[in-house]
Amino acid sequence: MPRKKSVKNKNLETLRDIVNEAISTNNEEFLVQLIYTMQKDYEEIAKLSTMGQYESSWSHKKTLDYITKET
């Protein structure tokens, strides 16, 4: 019986397809906008999760530690 792909692998495969399509069609700006939007969304969630204490210089680990230990 063939082994099912995990959700993570499917998501990675889909993301890889999107990146390859953007590169092959010379649409790097799409990738830039996607990364920029993801970064801004992360910062907004981090600020909300830390009651406004989040600093953009924080590592992801520091952000998670703050959320779990300080709030």
C-alpha atoms as a PDB file:
ATOM      1  CA  MET A   1       0.000   0.000   0.000  1.00  0.00           C
ATOM      2  CA  PRO A   2       1.474   3.415  -0.935  1.00  0.00           C
ATOM      3  CA  ARG A   3       2.356   5.620   1.978  1.00  0.00           C
ATOM      4  CA  LYS A   4       0.310   8.816   2.349  1.00  0.00           C
ATOM      5  CA  LYS A   5       2.189  12.086   2.276  1.00  0.00           C
ATOM      6  CA  SER A   6       2.030  14.079   5.465  1.00  0.00           C
ATOM      7  CA  VAL A   7       0.272  17.430   5.513  1.00  0.00           C
ATOM      8  CA  LYS A   8       3.650  19.099   6.070  1.00  0.00           C
ATOM      9  CA  ASN A   9       5.082  17.438   2.974  1.00  0.00           C
ATOM     10  CA  LYS A  10       2.027  18.423   0.917  1.00  0.00           C
ATOM     11  CA  ASN A  11       2.313  22.010   2.114  1.00  0.00           C
ATOM     12  CA  LEU A  12       6.024  22.087   1.284  1.00  0.00           C
ATOM     13  CA  GLU A  13       5.332  20.623  -2.132  1.00  0.00           C
ATOM     14  CA  THR A  14       2.639  23.221  -2.817  1.00  0.00           C
ATOM     15  CA  LEU A  15       4.901  26.044  -1.657  1.00  0.00           C
ATOM     16  CA  ARG A  16       7.748  24.714  -3.796  1.00  0.00           C
ATOM     17  CA  ASP A  17       5.438  24.676  -6.815  1.00  0.00           C
ATOM     18  CA  ILE A  18       4.407  28.295  -6.163  1.00  0.00           C
ATOM     19  CA  VAL A  19       8.032  29.421  -5.841  1.00  0.00           C
ATOM     20  CA  ASN A  20       9.102  27.547  -8.966  1.00  0.00           C
ATOM     21  CA  GLU A  21       6.188  29.006 -10.943  1.00  0.00           C
ATOM     22  CA  ALA A  22       7.042  32.539  -9.818  1.00  0.00           C
ATOM     23  CA  ILE A  23      10.683  32.074 -10.779  1.00  0.00           C
ATOM     24  CA  SER A  24       9.939  30.465 -14.139  1.00  0.00           C
ATOM     25  CA  THR A  25       7.590  33.328 -15.059  1.00  0.00           C
ATOM     26  CA  ASN A  26      10.020  36.007 -13.843  1.00  0.00           C
ATOM     27  CA  ASN A  27       7.566  37.030 -11.155  1.00  0.00           C
ATOM     28  CA  GLU A  28       9.987  37.419  -8.267  1.00  0.00           C
ATOM     29  CA  GLU A  29       8.008  40.447  -7.080  1.00  0.00           C
ATOM     30  CA  PHE A  30       5.199  38.068  -6.083  1.00  0.00           C
ATOM     31  CA  LEU A  31       7.627  36.272  -3.762  1.00  0.00           C
ATOM     32  CA  VAL A  32       8.881  39.547  -2.319  1.00  0.00           C
ATOM     33  CA  GLN A  33       5.321  40.660  -1.576  1.00  0.00           C
ATOM     34  CA  LEU A  34       4.444  37.278  -0.074  1.00  0.00           C
ATOM     35  CA  ILE A  35       7.438  37.312   2.269  1.00  0.00           C
ATOM     36  CA  TYR A  36       6.808  40.939   3.218  1.00  0.00           C
ATOM     37  CA  THR A  37       3.155  40.219   4.034  1.00  0.00           C
ATOM     38  CA  MET A  38       4.059  37.155   6.080  1.00  0.00           C
ATOM     39  CA  GLN A  39       6.623  39.145   8.060  1.00  0.00           C
ATOM     40  CA  LYS A  40       4.146  41.939   8.807  1.00  0.00           C
ATOM     41  CA  ASP A  41       1.464  39.418   9.826  1.00  0.00           C
ATOM     42  CA  TYR A  42       3.934  37.651  12.132  1.00  0.00           C
ATOM     43  CA  GLU A  43       4.913  40.953  13.762  1.00  0.00           C
ATOM     44  CA  GLU A  44       1.266  41.890  14.297  1.00  0.00           C
ATOM     45  CA  ILE A  45       0.493  38.530  15.918  1.00  0.00           C
ATOM     46  CA  ALA A  46       3.657  38.745  18.032  1.00  0.00           C
ATOM     47  CA  LYS A  47       2.745  42.236  19.266  1.00  0.00           C
ATOM     48  CA  LEU A  48      -0.771  41.122  20.156  1.00  0.00           C
ATOM     49  CA  SER A  49       0.510  37.967  21.855  1.00  0.00           C
ATOM     50  CA  THR A  50       3.044  39.860  23.976  1.00  0.00           C
ATOM     51  CA  MET A  51       0.714  42.710  24.945  1.00  0.00           C
ATOM     52  CA  GLY A  52       2.756  45.111  22.813  1.00  0.00           C
ATOM     53  CA  GLN A  53       6.142  44.154  24.232  1.00  0.00           C
ATOM     54  CA  TYR A  54       7.441  42.403  21.102  1.00  0.00           C
ATOM     55  CA  GLU A  55      10.487  43.950  19.429  1.00  0.00           C
ATOM     56  CA  SER A  56      11.388  43.130  15.827  1.00  0.00           C
ATOM     57  CA  SER A  57      14.916  42.254  16.994  1.00  0.00           C
ATOM     58  CA  TRP A  58      13.567  39.342  19.072  1.00  0.00           C
ATOM     59  CA  SER A  59      14.211  35.820  17.832  1.00  0.00           C
ATOM     60  CA  HIS A  60      11.265  33.506  17.342  1.00  0.00           C
ATOM     61  CA  LYS A  61      12.384  31.546  20.414  1.00  0.00           C
ATOM     62  CA  LYS A  62      12.484  34.702  22.535  1.00  0.00           C
ATOM     63  CA  THR A  63       9.006  35.620  21.325  1.00  0.00           C
ATOM     64  CA  LEU A  64       7.638  32.174  22.210  1.00  0.00           C
ATOM     65  CA  ASP A  65       9.409  32.218  25.594  1.00  0.00           C
ATOM     66  CA  TYR A  66       7.893  35.606  26.368  1.00  0.00           C
ATOM     67  CA  ILE A  67       4.412  34.437  25.389  1.00  0.00           C
ATOM     68  CA  THR A  68       4.623  31.287  27.484  1.00  0.00           C
ATOM     69  CA  LYS A  69       6.410  32.705  30.536  1.00  0.00           C
ATOM     70  CA  GLU A  70       5.459  36.359  30.790  1.00  0.00           C
ATOM     71  CA  THR A  71       1.825  36.543  29.712  1.00  0.00           C
END
